[in-house]
Amino acid sequence: MGTINIKKGDTVKVIAGKDKGAEGKVIAVLRDEDRVIVEGVNRVKKHTKVVNQGGRAGNTGGIITAEAPIHVSNVMLVEGKGVTRIGFRRDEVTKRRPDGSEYTSTRSVRISRKTGKEI
């Protein structure tokens, strides 16, 4: 398992598979499986059974269309008009302690490999 640089809420473009070229927002990141769920991408039909247990908390049967996870290697972050790889940079920041004194520390920020700008 590698590190996943894509976060929930990012706009990504699918670069491989049946939905190649599609863009969407990341709904969830499944870290342990190296997969992401993207809005409108890899939609699958799921047949559900009618469940009548638990009184009114019954579930109606039918066919539900939902997004299935897609491997993180098949998506790329959208930046401007194109896509980019993601890098990290440590920035010096001044932080304030509860007692009011300040100190310098580093903060990790995601940057675009294409433009070098902060994401």
PDB file of N, CA and C in Angstrom:
ATOM      1  N   MET A   1       0.829  -1.206   0.000  1.00  0.00           N
ATOM      2  CA  MET A   1       0.000   0.000   0.000  1.00  0.00           C
ATOM      3  C   MET A   1       0.865   1.259   0.000  1.00  0.00           C
ATOM      4  N   GLY A   2       0.666   2.090  -1.009  1.00  0.00           N
ATOM      5  CA  GLY A   2       1.393   3.358  -1.069  1.00  0.00           C
ATOM      6  C   GLY A   2       0.585   4.456  -0.404  1.00  0.00           C
ATOM      7  N   THR A   3       1.132   5.655  -0.446  1.00  0.00           N
ATOM      8  CA  THR A   3       0.382   6.772   0.120  1.00  0.00           C
ATOM      9  C   THR A   3      -0.527   7.332  -0.961  1.00  0.00           C
ATOM     10  N   ILE A   4      -1.701   7.756  -0.547  1.00  0.00           N
ATOM     11  CA  ILE A   4      -2.668   8.321  -1.479  1.00  0.00           C
ATOM     12  C   ILE A   4      -2.618   9.835  -1.349  1.00  0.00           C
ATOM     13  N   ASN A   5      -2.319  10.526  -2.459  1.00  0.00           N
ATOM     14  CA  ASN A   5      -2.213  11.977  -2.426  1.00  0.00           C
ATOM     15  C   ASN A   5      -3.522  12.664  -2.761  1.00  0.00           C
ATOM     16  N   ILE A   6      -4.537  11.877  -3.118  1.00  0.00           N
ATOM     17  CA  ILE A   6      -5.826  12.456  -3.484  1.00  0.00           C
ATOM     18  C   ILE A   6      -6.727  12.462  -2.263  1.00  0.00           C
ATOM     19  N   LYS A   7      -7.449  13.586  -2.078  1.00  0.00           N
ATOM     20  CA  LYS A   7      -8.306  13.734  -0.903  1.00  0.00           C
ATOM     21  C   LYS A   7      -9.769  13.815  -1.307  1.00  0.00           C
ATOM     22  N   LYS A   8     -10.633  13.622  -0.329  1.00  0.00           N
ATOM     23  CA  LYS A   8     -12.066  13.774  -0.531  1.00  0.00           C
ATOM     24  C   LYS A   8     -12.334  15.223  -0.944  1.00  0.00           C
ATOM     25  N   GLY A   9     -13.175  15.413  -1.957  1.00  0.00           N
ATOM     26  CA  GLY A   9     -13.492  16.765  -2.406  1.00  0.00           C
ATOM     27  C   GLY A   9     -12.669  17.229  -3.593  1.00  0.00           C
ATOM     28  N   ASP A  10     -11.580  16.513  -3.920  1.00  0.00           N
ATOM     29  CA  ASP A  10     -10.755  16.876  -5.079  1.00  0.00           C
ATOM     30  C   ASP A  10     -11.519  16.567  -6.370  1.00  0.00           C
ATOM     31  N   THR A  11     -11.256  17.345  -7.417  1.00  0.00           N
ATOM     32  CA  THR A  11     -11.802  17.028  -8.741  1.00  0.00           C
ATOM     33  C   THR A  11     -10.737  16.230  -9.471  1.00  0.00           C
ATOM     34  N   VAL A  12     -11.118  15.049  -9.937  1.00  0.00           N
ATOM     35  CA  VAL A  12     -10.152  14.180 -10.613  1.00  0.00           C
ATOM     36  C   VAL A  12     -10.662  13.789 -11.994  1.00  0.00           C
ATOM     37  N   LYS A  13      -9.726  13.387 -12.851  1.00  0.00           N
ATOM     38  CA  LYS A  13     -10.059  12.911 -14.189  1.00  0.00           C
ATOM     39  C   LYS A  13      -9.637  11.460 -14.277  1.00  0.00           C
ATOM     40  N   VAL A  14     -10.487  10.621 -14.883  1.00  0.00           N
ATOM     41  CA  VAL A  14     -10.173   9.203 -15.041  1.00  0.00           C
ATOM     42  C   VAL A  14      -9.264   9.068 -16.262  1.00  0.00           C
ATOM     43  N   ILE A  15      -8.104   8.421 -16.077  1.00  0.00           N
ATOM     44  CA  ILE A  15      -7.128   8.321 -17.167  1.00  0.00           C
ATOM     45  C   ILE A  15      -7.046   6.918 -17.764  1.00  0.00           C
ATOM     46  N   ALA A  16      -7.804   5.963 -17.199  1.00  0.00           N
ATOM     47  CA  ALA A  16      -7.794   4.601 -17.743  1.00  0.00           C
ATOM     48  C   ALA A  16      -9.098   3.904 -17.386  1.00  0.00           C
ATOM     49  N   GLY A  17      -9.456   2.899 -18.192  1.00  0.00           N
ATOM     50  CA  GLY A  17     -10.659   2.119 -17.896  1.00  0.00           C
ATOM     51  C   GLY A  17     -11.849   2.542 -18.734  1.00  0.00           C
ATOM     52  N   LYS A  18     -13.020   1.968 -18.438  1.00  0.00           N
ATOM     53  CA  LYS A  18     -14.200   2.210 -19.279  1.00  0.00           C
ATOM     54  C   LYS A  18     -14.731   3.636 -19.180  1.00  0.00           C
ATOM     55  N   ASP A  19     -14.425   4.337 -18.083  1.00  0.00           N
ATOM     56  CA  ASP A  19     -14.886   5.716 -17.921  1.00  0.00           C
ATOM     57  C   ASP A  19     -13.783   6.722 -18.231  1.00  0.00           C
ATOM     58  N   LYS A  20     -12.803   6.339 -19.033  1.00  0.00           N
ATOM     59  CA  LYS A  20     -11.660   7.199 -19.356  1.00  0.00           C
ATOM     60  C   LYS A  20     -12.134   8.552 -19.885  1.00  0.00           C
ATOM     61  N   GLY A  21     -11.540   9.626 -19.337  1.00  0.00           N
ATOM     62  CA  GLY A  21     -11.897  10.969 -19.775  1.00  0.00           C
ATOM     63  C   GLY A  21     -12.934  11.636 -18.898  1.00  0.00           C
ATOM     64  N   ALA A  22     -13.619  10.854 -18.069  1.00  0.00           N
ATOM     65  CA  ALA A  22     -14.662  11.428 -17.209  1.00  0.00           C
ATOM     66  C   ALA A  22     -14.042  12.186 -16.047  1.00  0.00           C
ATOM     67  N   GLU A  23     -14.682  13.300 -15.670  1.00  0.00           N
ATOM     68  CA  GLU A  23     -14.227  14.073 -14.523  1.00  0.00           C
ATOM     69  C   GLU A  23     -15.296  14.036 -13.454  1.00  0.00           C
ATOM     70  N   GLY A  24     -14.867  14.071 -12.210  1.00  0.00           N
ATOM     71  CA  GLY A  24     -15.827  14.060 -11.110  1.00  0.00           C
ATOM     72  C   GLY A  24     -15.154  14.374  -9.803  1.00  0.00           C
ATOM     73  N   LYS A  25     -15.992  14.547  -8.781  1.00  0.00           N
ATOM     74  CA  LYS A  25     -15.509  14.893  -7.452  1.00  0.00           C
ATOM     75  C   LYS A  25     -15.319  13.615  -6.643  1.00  0.00           C
ATOM     76  N   VAL A  26     -14.261  13.557  -5.849  1.00  0.00           N
ATOM     77  CA  VAL A  26     -14.007  12.378  -5.013  1.00  0.00           C
ATOM     78  C   VAL A  26     -14.983  12.399  -3.839  1.00  0.00           C
ATOM     79  N   ILE A  27     -15.777  11.331  -3.716  1.00  0.00           N
ATOM     80  CA  ILE A  27     -16.761  11.225  -2.635  1.00  0.00           C
ATOM     81  C   ILE A  27     -16.119  10.599  -1.399  1.00  0.00           C
ATOM     82  N   ALA A  28     -15.273   9.579  -1.623  1.00  0.00           N
ATOM     83  CA  ALA A  28     -14.639   8.885  -0.501  1.00  0.00           C
ATOM     84  C   ALA A  28     -13.296   8.319  -0.935  1.00  0.00           C
ATOM     85  N   VAL A  29     -12.385   8.161   0.032  1.00  0.00           N
ATOM     86  CA  VAL A  29     -11.074   7.563  -0.217  1.00  0.00           C
ATOM     87  C   VAL A  29     -10.966   6.322   0.660  1.00  0.00           C
ATOM     88  N   LEU A  30     -10.769   5.163   0.032  1.00  0.00           N
ATOM     89  CA  LEU A  30     -10.623   3.901   0.770  1.00  0.00           C
ATOM     90  C   LEU A  30      -9.134   3.609   0.865  1.00  0.00           C
ATOM     91  N   ARG A  31      -8.500   4.088   1.927  1.00  0.00           N
ATOM     92  CA  ARG A  31      -7.043   4.011   2.062  1.00  0.00           C
ATOM     93  C   ARG A  31      -6.503   2.585   2.076  1.00  0.00           C
ATOM     94  N   ASP A  32      -7.162   1.701   2.803  1.00  0.00           N
ATOM     95  CA  ASP A  32      -6.649   0.328   2.925  1.00  0.00           C
ATOM     96  C   ASP A  32      -6.700  -0.438   1.607  1.00  0.00           C
ATOM     97  N   GLU A  33      -7.560  -0.027   0.669  1.00  0.00           N
ATOM     98  CA  GLU A  33      -7.675  -0.730  -0.613  1.00  0.00           C
ATOM     99  C   GLU A  33      -7.045   0.057  -1.769  1.00  0.00           C
ATOM    100  N   ASP A  34      -6.467   1.250  -1.486  1.00  0.00           N
ATOM    101  CA  ASP A  34      -5.896   2.123  -2.527  1.00  0.00           C
ATOM    102  C   ASP A  34      -6.930   2.489  -3.589  1.00  0.00           C
ATOM    103  N   ARG A  35      -8.166   2.725  -3.161  1.00  0.00           N
ATOM    104  CA  ARG A  35      -9.230   3.034  -4.110  1.00  0.00           C
ATOM    105  C   ARG A  35      -9.955   4.316  -3.727  1.00  0.00           C
ATOM    106  N   VAL A  36     -10.592   4.924  -4.723  1.00  0.00           N
ATOM    107  CA  VAL A  36     -11.388   6.126  -4.472  1.00  0.00           C
ATOM    108  C   VAL A  36     -12.758   5.946  -5.117  1.00  0.00           C
ATOM    109  N   ILE A  37     -13.766   6.612  -4.551  1.00  0.00           N
ATOM    110  CA  ILE A  37     -15.092   6.605  -5.160  1.00  0.00           C
ATOM    111  C   ILE A  37     -15.297   7.993  -5.755  1.00  0.00           C
ATOM    112  N   VAL A  38     -15.535   8.041  -7.075  1.00  0.00           N
ATOM    113  CA  VAL A  38     -15.684   9.305  -7.788  1.00  0.00           C
ATOM    114  C   VAL A  38     -17.127   9.450  -8.260  1.00  0.00           C
ATOM    115  N   GLU A  39     -17.678  10.653  -8.075  1.00  0.00           N
ATOM    116  CA  GLU A  39     -19.049  10.967  -8.451  1.00  0.00           C
ATOM    117  C   GLU A  39     -19.276  10.729  -9.948  1.00  0.00           C
ATOM    118  N   GLY A  40     -20.267   9.911 -10.274  1.00  0.00           N
ATOM    119  CA  GLY A  40     -20.640   9.672 -11.667  1.00  0.00           C
ATOM    120  C   GLY A  40     -19.725   8.749 -12.441  1.00  0.00           C
ATOM    121  N   VAL A  41     -18.733   8.151 -11.782  1.00  0.00           N
ATOM    122  CA  VAL A  41     -17.766   7.283 -12.464  1.00  0.00           C
ATOM    123  C   VAL A  41     -17.882   5.861 -11.933  1.00  0.00           C
ATOM    124  N   ASN A  42     -17.760   4.873 -12.841  1.00  0.00           N
ATOM    125  CA  ASN A  42     -17.836   3.448 -12.486  1.00  0.00           C
ATOM    126  C   ASN A  42     -19.155   3.119 -11.802  1.00  0.00           C
ATOM    127  N   ARG A  43     -20.260   3.556 -12.420  1.00  0.00           N
ATOM    128  CA  ARG A  43     -21.577   3.300 -11.853  1.00  0.00           C
ATOM    129  C   ARG A  43     -21.984   1.851 -12.124  1.00  0.00           C
ATOM    130  N   VAL A  44     -22.465   1.185 -11.085  1.00  0.00           N
ATOM    131  CA  VAL A  44     -22.891  -0.209 -11.217  1.00  0.00           C
ATOM    132  C   VAL A  44     -24.326  -0.343 -10.731  1.00  0.00           C
ATOM    133  N   LYS A  45     -25.044  -1.311 -11.320  1.00  0.00           N
ATOM    134  CA  LYS A  45     -26.417  -1.565 -10.892  1.00  0.00           C
ATOM    135  C   LYS A  45     -26.388  -2.668  -9.842  1.00  0.00           C
ATOM    136  N   LYS A  46     -27.050  -2.425  -8.721  1.00  0.00           N
ATOM    137  CA  LYS A  46     -27.058  -3.396  -7.645  1.00  0.00           C
ATOM    138  C   LYS A  46     -28.500  -3.825  -7.386  1.00  0.00           C
ATOM    139  N   HIS A  47     -28.726  -5.133  -7.427  1.00  0.00           N
ATOM    140  CA  HIS A  47     -30.072  -5.655  -7.198  1.00  0.00           C
ATOM    141  C   HIS A  47     -30.268  -5.837  -5.704  1.00  0.00           C
ATOM    142  N   THR A  48     -31.301  -5.190  -5.158  1.00  0.00           N
ATOM    143  CA  THR A  48     -31.543  -5.312  -3.721  1.00  0.00           C
ATOM    144  C   THR A  48     -32.861  -6.039  -3.471  1.00  0.00           C
ATOM    145  N   LYS A  49     -32.886  -6.794  -2.396  1.00  0.00           N
ATOM    146  CA  LYS A  49     -34.040  -7.592  -2.016  1.00  0.00           C
ATOM    147  C   LYS A  49     -34.903  -6.800  -1.043  1.00  0.00           C
ATOM    148  N   VAL A  50     -36.202  -7.101  -1.009  1.00  0.00           N
ATOM    149  CA  VAL A  50     -37.088  -6.438  -0.056  1.00  0.00           C
ATOM    150  C   VAL A  50     -36.832  -7.049   1.312  1.00  0.00           C
ATOM    151  N   VAL A  51     -36.548  -6.208   2.297  1.00  0.00           N
ATOM    152  CA  VAL A  51     -36.305  -6.684   3.662  1.00  0.00           C
ATOM    153  C   VAL A  51     -37.402  -6.093   4.545  1.00  0.00           C
ATOM    154  N   ASN A  52     -38.159  -6.952   5.199  1.00  0.00           N
ATOM    155  CA  ASN A  52     -39.272  -6.453   6.008  1.00  0.00           C
ATOM    156  C   ASN A  52     -39.069  -6.625   7.495  1.00  0.00           C
ATOM    157  N   GLN A  53     -37.835  -6.712   7.936  1.00  0.00           N
ATOM    158  CA  GLN A  53     -37.632  -6.889   9.369  1.00  0.00           C
ATOM    159  C   GLN A  53     -37.488  -5.535  10.048  1.00  0.00           C
ATOM    160  N   GLY A  54     -37.737  -5.488  11.329  1.00  0.00           N
ATOM    161  CA  GLY A  54     -37.562  -4.249  12.088  1.00  0.00           C
ATOM    162  C   GLY A  54     -38.660  -3.235  11.856  1.00  0.00           C
ATOM    163  N   GLY A  55     -39.882  -3.702  11.585  1.00  0.00           N
ATOM    164  CA  GLY A  55     -41.017  -2.794  11.481  1.00  0.00           C
ATOM    165  C   GLY A  55     -40.922  -1.876  10.285  1.00  0.00           C
ATOM    166  N   ARG A  56     -40.945  -0.548  10.550  1.00  0.00           N
ATOM    167  CA  ARG A  56     -40.994   0.411   9.447  1.00  0.00           C
ATOM    168  C   ARG A  56     -39.628   0.646   8.810  1.00  0.00           C
ATOM    169  N   ALA A  57     -38.563   0.075   9.402  1.00  0.00           N
ATOM    170  CA  ALA A  57     -37.227   0.264   8.845  1.00  0.00           C
ATOM    171  C   ALA A  57     -36.971  -0.730   7.715  1.00  0.00           C
ATOM    172  N   GLY A  58     -38.018  -1.088   6.962  1.00  0.00           N
ATOM    173  CA  GLY A  58     -37.877  -2.026   5.854  1.00  0.00           C
ATOM    174  C   GLY A  58     -37.253  -1.350   4.648  1.00  0.00           C
ATOM    175  N   ASN A  59     -36.611  -2.152   3.806  1.00  0.00           N
ATOM    176  CA  ASN A  59     -35.923  -1.603   2.651  1.00  0.00           C
ATOM    177  C   ASN A  59     -36.664  -2.087   1.412  1.00  0.00           C
ATOM    178  N   THR A  60     -36.984  -1.176   0.506  1.00  0.00           N
ATOM    179  CA  THR A  60     -37.718  -1.569  -0.693  1.00  0.00           C
ATOM    180  C   THR A  60     -36.759  -2.203  -1.686  1.00  0.00           C
ATOM    181  N   GLY A  61     -37.231  -3.216  -2.371  1.00  0.00           N
ATOM    182  CA  GLY A  61     -36.388  -3.921  -3.324  1.00  0.00           C
ATOM    183  C   GLY A  61     -36.300  -3.173  -4.629  1.00  0.00           C
ATOM    184  N   GLY A  62     -35.436  -3.645  -5.513  1.00  0.00           N
ATOM    185  CA  GLY A  62     -35.298  -3.018  -6.817  1.00  0.00           C
ATOM    186  C   GLY A  62     -33.848  -2.951  -7.237  1.00  0.00           C
ATOM    187  N   ILE A  63     -33.614  -2.182  -8.292  1.00  0.00           N
ATOM    188  CA  ILE A  63     -32.251  -2.052  -8.804  1.00  0.00           C
ATOM    189  C   ILE A  63     -31.757  -0.649  -8.487  1.00  0.00           C
ATOM    190  N   ILE A  64     -30.653  -0.571  -7.771  1.00  0.00           N
ATOM    191  CA  ILE A  64     -30.073   0.713  -7.370  1.00  0.00           C
ATOM    192  C   ILE A  64     -28.798   0.922  -8.176  1.00  0.00           C
ATOM    193  N   THR A  65     -28.619   2.134  -8.697  1.00  0.00           N
ATOM    194  CA  THR A  65     -27.369   2.454  -9.398  1.00  0.00           C
ATOM    195  C   THR A  65     -26.496   3.258  -8.451  1.00  0.00           C
ATOM    196  N   ALA A  66     -25.280   2.777  -8.221  1.00  0.00           N
ATOM    197  CA  ALA A  66     -24.378   3.461  -7.294  1.00  0.00           C
ATOM    198  C   ALA A  66     -22.963   3.447  -7.853  1.00  0.00           C
ATOM    199  N   GLU A  67     -22.113   4.323  -7.321  1.00  0.00           N
ATOM    200  CA  GLU A  67     -20.718   4.376  -7.752  1.00  0.00           C
ATOM    201  C   GLU A  67     -19.912   3.294  -7.042  1.00  0.00           C
ATOM    202  N   ALA A  68     -19.115   2.563  -7.799  1.00  0.00           N
ATOM    203  CA  ALA A  68     -18.223   1.560  -7.219  1.00  0.00           C
ATOM    204  C   ALA A  68     -16.822   2.169  -7.142  1.00  0.00           C
ATOM    205  N   PRO A  69     -15.975   1.675  -6.233  1.00  0.00           N
ATOM    206  CA  PRO A  69     -14.620   2.231  -6.112  1.00  0.00           C
ATOM    207  C   PRO A  69     -13.787   1.997  -7.381  1.00  0.00           C
ATOM    208  N   ILE A  70     -12.859   2.909  -7.631  1.00  0.00           N
ATOM    209  CA  ILE A  70     -11.950   2.808  -8.772  1.00  0.00           C
ATOM    210  C   ILE A  70     -10.530   2.936  -8.208  1.00  0.00           C
ATOM    211  N   HIS A  71      -9.573   2.241  -8.805  1.00  0.00           N
ATOM    212  CA  HIS A  71      -8.216   2.264  -8.258  1.00  0.00           C
ATOM    213  C   HIS A  71      -7.605   3.654  -8.412  1.00  0.00           C
ATOM    214  N   VAL A  72      -6.872   4.081  -7.383  1.00  0.00           N
ATOM    215  CA  VAL A  72      -6.314   5.441  -7.343  1.00  0.00           C
ATOM    216  C   VAL A  72      -5.315   5.695  -8.479  1.00  0.00           C
ATOM    217  N   SER A  73      -4.702   4.652  -9.017  1.00  0.00           N
ATOM    218  CA  SER A  73      -3.747   4.826 -10.120  1.00  0.00           C
ATOM    219  C   SER A  73      -4.450   5.209 -11.422  1.00  0.00           C
ATOM    220  N   ASN A  74      -5.765   5.024 -11.485  1.00  0.00           N
ATOM    221  CA  ASN A  74      -6.511   5.340 -12.698  1.00  0.00           C
ATOM    222  C   ASN A  74      -7.104   6.738 -12.706  1.00  0.00           C
ATOM    223  N   VAL A  75      -6.807   7.531 -11.666  1.00  0.00           N
ATOM    224  CA  VAL A  75      -7.307   8.906 -11.639  1.00  0.00           C
ATOM    225  C   VAL A  75      -6.148   9.882 -11.456  1.00  0.00           C
ATOM    226  N   MET A  76      -6.360  11.120 -11.940  1.00  0.00           N
ATOM    227  CA  MET A  76      -5.362  12.173 -11.821  1.00  0.00           C
ATOM    228  C   MET A  76      -6.050  13.463 -11.417  1.00  0.00           C
ATOM    229  N   LEU A  77      -5.388  14.256 -10.608  1.00  0.00           N
ATOM    230  CA  LEU A  77      -5.951  15.507 -10.126  1.00  0.00           C
ATOM    231  C   LEU A  77      -6.078  16.520 -11.259  1.00  0.00           C
ATOM    232  N   VAL A  78      -7.250  17.184 -11.324  1.00  0.00           N
ATOM    233  CA  VAL A  78      -7.487  18.208 -12.341  1.00  0.00           C
ATOM    234  C   VAL A  78      -7.016  19.550 -11.806  1.00  0.00           C
ATOM    235  N   GLU A  79      -6.232  20.259 -12.631  1.00  0.00           N
ATOM    236  CA  GLU A  79      -5.780  21.597 -12.246  1.00  0.00           C
ATOM    237  C   GLU A  79      -5.914  22.494 -13.462  1.00  0.00           C
ATOM    238  N   GLY A  80      -6.781  23.494 -13.367  1.00  0.00           N
ATOM    239  CA  GLY A  80      -7.022  24.373 -14.512  1.00  0.00           C
ATOM    240  C   GLY A  80      -7.670  23.582 -15.631  1.00  0.00           C
ATOM    241  N   LYS A  81      -7.025  23.589 -16.814  1.00  0.00           N
ATOM    242  CA  LYS A  81      -7.596  22.868 -17.963  1.00  0.00           C
ATOM    243  C   LYS A  81      -7.077  21.433 -18.058  1.00  0.00           C
ATOM    244  N   GLY A  82      -5.933  21.158 -17.422  1.00  0.00           N
ATOM    245  CA  GLY A  82      -5.324  19.837 -17.567  1.00  0.00           C
ATOM    246  C   GLY A  82      -5.249  19.070 -16.256  1.00  0.00           C
ATOM    247  N   VAL A  83      -4.413  18.047 -16.275  1.00  0.00           N
ATOM    248  CA  VAL A  83      -4.217  17.226 -15.076  1.00  0.00           C
ATOM    249  C   VAL A  83      -2.779  17.361 -14.607  1.00  0.00           C
ATOM    250  N   THR A  84      -2.532  17.058 -13.344  1.00  0.00           N
ATOM    251  CA  THR A  84      -1.188  17.205 -12.802  1.00  0.00           C
ATOM    252  C   THR A  84      -0.888  16.110 -11.790  1.00  0.00           C
ATOM    253  N   ARG A  85       0.411  15.874 -11.603  1.00  0.00           N
ATOM    254  CA  ARG A  85       0.841  15.005 -10.515  1.00  0.00           C
ATOM    255  C   ARG A  85       0.921  15.868  -9.263  1.00  0.00           C
ATOM    256  N   ILE A  86       1.010  15.208  -8.118  1.00  0.00           N
ATOM    257  CA  ILE A  86       0.996  15.941  -6.857  1.00  0.00           C
ATOM    258  C   ILE A  86       2.322  15.769  -6.138  1.00  0.00           C
ATOM    259  N   GLY A  87       2.860  16.879  -5.652  1.00  0.00           N
ATOM    260  CA  GLY A  87       4.078  16.838  -4.865  1.00  0.00           C
ATOM    261  C   GLY A  87       3.818  17.487  -3.521  1.00  0.00           C
ATOM    262  N   PHE A  88       4.812  17.470  -2.664  1.00  0.00           N
ATOM    263  CA  PHE A  88       4.673  18.086  -1.353  1.00  0.00           C
ATOM    264  C   PHE A  88       5.840  19.023  -1.098  1.00  0.00           C
ATOM    265  N   ARG A  89       5.569  20.076  -0.351  1.00  0.00           N
ATOM    266  CA  ARG A  89       6.614  21.031   0.003  1.00  0.00           C
ATOM    267  C   ARG A  89       6.410  21.414   1.459  1.00  0.00           C
ATOM    268  N   ARG A  90       7.519  21.592   2.174  1.00  0.00           N
ATOM    269  CA  ARG A  90       7.438  22.016   3.575  1.00  0.00           C
ATOM    270  C   ARG A  90       7.587  23.533   3.609  1.00  0.00           C
ATOM    271  N   ASP A  91       6.592  24.222   4.159  1.00  0.00           N
ATOM    272  CA  ASP A  91       6.645  25.683   4.263  1.00  0.00           C
ATOM    273  C   ASP A  91       6.900  26.106   5.694  1.00  0.00           C
ATOM    274  N   GLU A  92       7.705  27.143   5.849  1.00  0.00           N
ATOM    275  CA  GLU A  92       7.957  27.718   7.178  1.00  0.00           C
ATOM    276  C   GLU A  92       6.752  28.573   7.567  1.00  0.00           C
ATOM    277  N   VAL A  93       6.210  28.307   8.737  1.00  0.00           N
ATOM    278  CA  VAL A  93       5.092  29.120   9.219  1.00  0.00           C
ATOM    279  C   VAL A  93       5.360  29.515  10.665  1.00  0.00           C
ATOM    280  N   THR A  94       4.797  30.652  11.078  1.00  0.00           N
ATOM    281  CA  THR A  94       4.932  31.036  12.483  1.00  0.00           C
ATOM    282  C   THR A  94       3.656  30.649  13.203  1.00  0.00           C
ATOM    283  N   LYS A  95       3.831  29.919  14.283  1.00  0.00           N
ATOM    284  CA  LYS A  95       2.688  29.463  15.067  1.00  0.00           C
ATOM    285  C   LYS A  95       2.700  30.160  16.413  1.00  0.00           C
ATOM    286  N   ARG A  96       1.531  30.264  17.013  1.00  0.00           N
ATOM    287  CA  ARG A  96       1.409  30.955  18.291  1.00  0.00           C
ATOM    288  C   ARG A  96       1.057  29.956  19.383  1.00  0.00           C
ATOM    289  N   ARG A  97       1.802  30.002  20.475  1.00  0.00           N
ATOM    290  CA  ARG A  97       1.516  29.121  21.609  1.00  0.00           C
ATOM    291  C   ARG A  97       0.360  29.703  22.415  1.00  0.00           C
ATOM    292  N   PRO A  98      -0.289  28.876  23.238  1.00  0.00           N
ATOM    293  CA  PRO A  98      -1.406  29.386  24.058  1.00  0.00           C
ATOM    294  C   PRO A  98      -1.013  30.588  24.936  1.00  0.00           C
ATOM    295  N   ASP A  99       0.260  30.649  25.356  1.00  0.00           N
ATOM    296  CA  ASP A  99       0.673  31.765  26.232  1.00  0.00           C
ATOM    297  C   ASP A  99       1.008  33.033  25.431  1.00  0.00           C
ATOM    298  N   GLY A 100       0.864  32.991  24.100  1.00  0.00           N
ATOM    299  CA  GLY A 100       1.061  34.189  23.285  1.00  0.00           C
ATOM    300  C   GLY A 100       2.402  34.260  22.587  1.00  0.00           C
ATOM    301  N   SER A 101       3.377  33.434  22.990  1.00  0.00           N
ATOM    302  CA  SER A 101       4.691  33.494  22.335  1.00  0.00           C
ATOM    303  C   SER A 101       4.617  32.785  20.977  1.00  0.00           C
ATOM    304  N   GLU A 102       5.442  33.250  20.035  1.00  0.00           N
ATOM    305  CA  GLU A 102       5.425  32.682  18.691  1.00  0.00           C
ATOM    306  C   GLU A 102       6.670  31.834  18.439  1.00  0.00           C
ATOM    307  N   TYR A 103       6.518  30.868  17.533  1.00  0.00           N
ATOM    308  CA  TYR A 103       7.664  30.039  17.150  1.00  0.00           C
ATOM    309  C   TYR A 103       7.497  29.639  15.691  1.00  0.00           C
ATOM    310  N   THR A 104       8.620  29.312  15.020  1.00  0.00           N
ATOM    311  CA  THR A 104       8.530  28.909  13.619  1.00  0.00           C
ATOM    312  C   THR A 104       8.475  27.390  13.532  1.00  0.00           C
ATOM    313  N   SER A 105       7.662  26.943  12.614  1.00  0.00           N
ATOM    314  CA  SER A 105       7.493  25.514  12.420  1.00  0.00           C
ATOM    315  C   SER A 105       7.314  25.268  10.928  1.00  0.00           C
ATOM    316  N   THR A 106       7.273  24.007  10.494  1.00  0.00           N
ATOM    317  CA  THR A 106       7.043  23.725   9.078  1.00  0.00           C
ATOM    318  C   THR A 106       5.683  23.075   8.902  1.00  0.00           C
ATOM    319  N   ARG A 107       5.064  23.402   7.773  1.00  0.00           N
ATOM    320  CA  ARG A 107       3.752  22.853   7.450  1.00  0.00           C
ATOM    321  C   ARG A 107       3.875  22.210   6.073  1.00  0.00           C
ATOM    322  N   SER A 108       3.328  21.006   5.926  1.00  0.00           N
ATOM    323  CA  SER A 108       3.387  20.300   4.653  1.00  0.00           C
ATOM    324  C   SER A 108       2.228  20.757   3.774  1.00  0.00           C
ATOM    325  N   VAL A 109       2.524  21.177   2.542  1.00  0.00           N
ATOM    326  CA  VAL A 109       1.476  21.605   1.617  1.00  0.00           C
ATOM    327  C   VAL A 109       1.570  20.807   0.322  1.00  0.00           C
ATOM    328  N   ARG A 110       0.406  20.533  -0.281  1.00  0.00           N
ATOM    329  CA  ARG A 110       0.388  19.833  -1.563  1.00  0.00           C
ATOM    330  C   ARG A 110       0.646  20.854  -2.664  1.00  0.00           C
ATOM    331  N   ILE A 111       1.499  20.476  -3.614  1.00  0.00           N
ATOM    332  CA  ILE A 111       1.768  21.376  -4.734  1.00  0.00           C
ATOM    333  C   ILE A 111       1.553  20.632  -6.057  1.00  0.00           C
ATOM    334  N   SER A 112       1.299  21.429  -7.087  1.00  0.00           N
ATOM    335  CA  SER A 112       1.154  20.880  -8.431  1.00  0.00           C
ATOM    336  C   SER A 112       2.542  20.672  -9.018  1.00  0.00           C
ATOM    337  N   ARG A 113       2.813  19.501  -9.554  1.00  0.00           N
ATOM    338  CA  ARG A 113       4.110  19.232 -10.172  1.00  0.00           C
ATOM    339  C   ARG A 113       4.248  20.001 -11.482  1.00  0.00           C
ATOM    340  N   LYS A 114       3.109  20.331 -12.112  1.00  0.00           N
ATOM    341  CA  LYS A 114       3.137  21.017 -13.402  1.00  0.00           C
ATOM    342  C   LYS A 114       3.468  22.500 -13.232  1.00  0.00           C
ATOM    343  N   THR A 115       2.790  23.165 -12.294  1.00  0.00           N
ATOM    344  CA  THR A 115       2.966  24.612 -12.156  1.00  0.00           C
ATOM    345  C   THR A 115       3.748  25.011 -10.910  1.00  0.00           C
ATOM    346  N   GLY A 116       3.865  24.112  -9.939  1.00  0.00           N
ATOM    347  CA  GLY A 116       4.558  24.424  -8.704  1.00  0.00           C
ATOM    348  C   GLY A 116       3.699  25.194  -7.705  1.00  0.00           C
ATOM    349  N   LYS A 117       2.432  25.467  -8.091  1.00  0.00           N
ATOM    350  CA  LYS A 117       1.531  26.217  -7.207  1.00  0.00           C
ATOM    351  C   LYS A 117       0.941  25.310  -6.151  1.00  0.00           C
ATOM    352  N   GLU A 118       0.507  25.949  -5.059  1.00  0.00           N
ATOM    353  CA  GLU A 118      -0.132  25.217  -3.956  1.00  0.00           C
ATOM    354  C   GLU A 118      -1.539  24.792  -4.379  1.00  0.00           C
ATOM    355  N   ILE A 119      -1.911  23.591  -3.969  1.00  0.00           N
ATOM    356  CA  ILE A 119      -3.246  23.080  -4.307  1.00  0.00           C
ATOM    357  C   ILE A 119      -4.179  23.352  -3.135  1.00  0.00           C
TER     358      ILE A 119
END
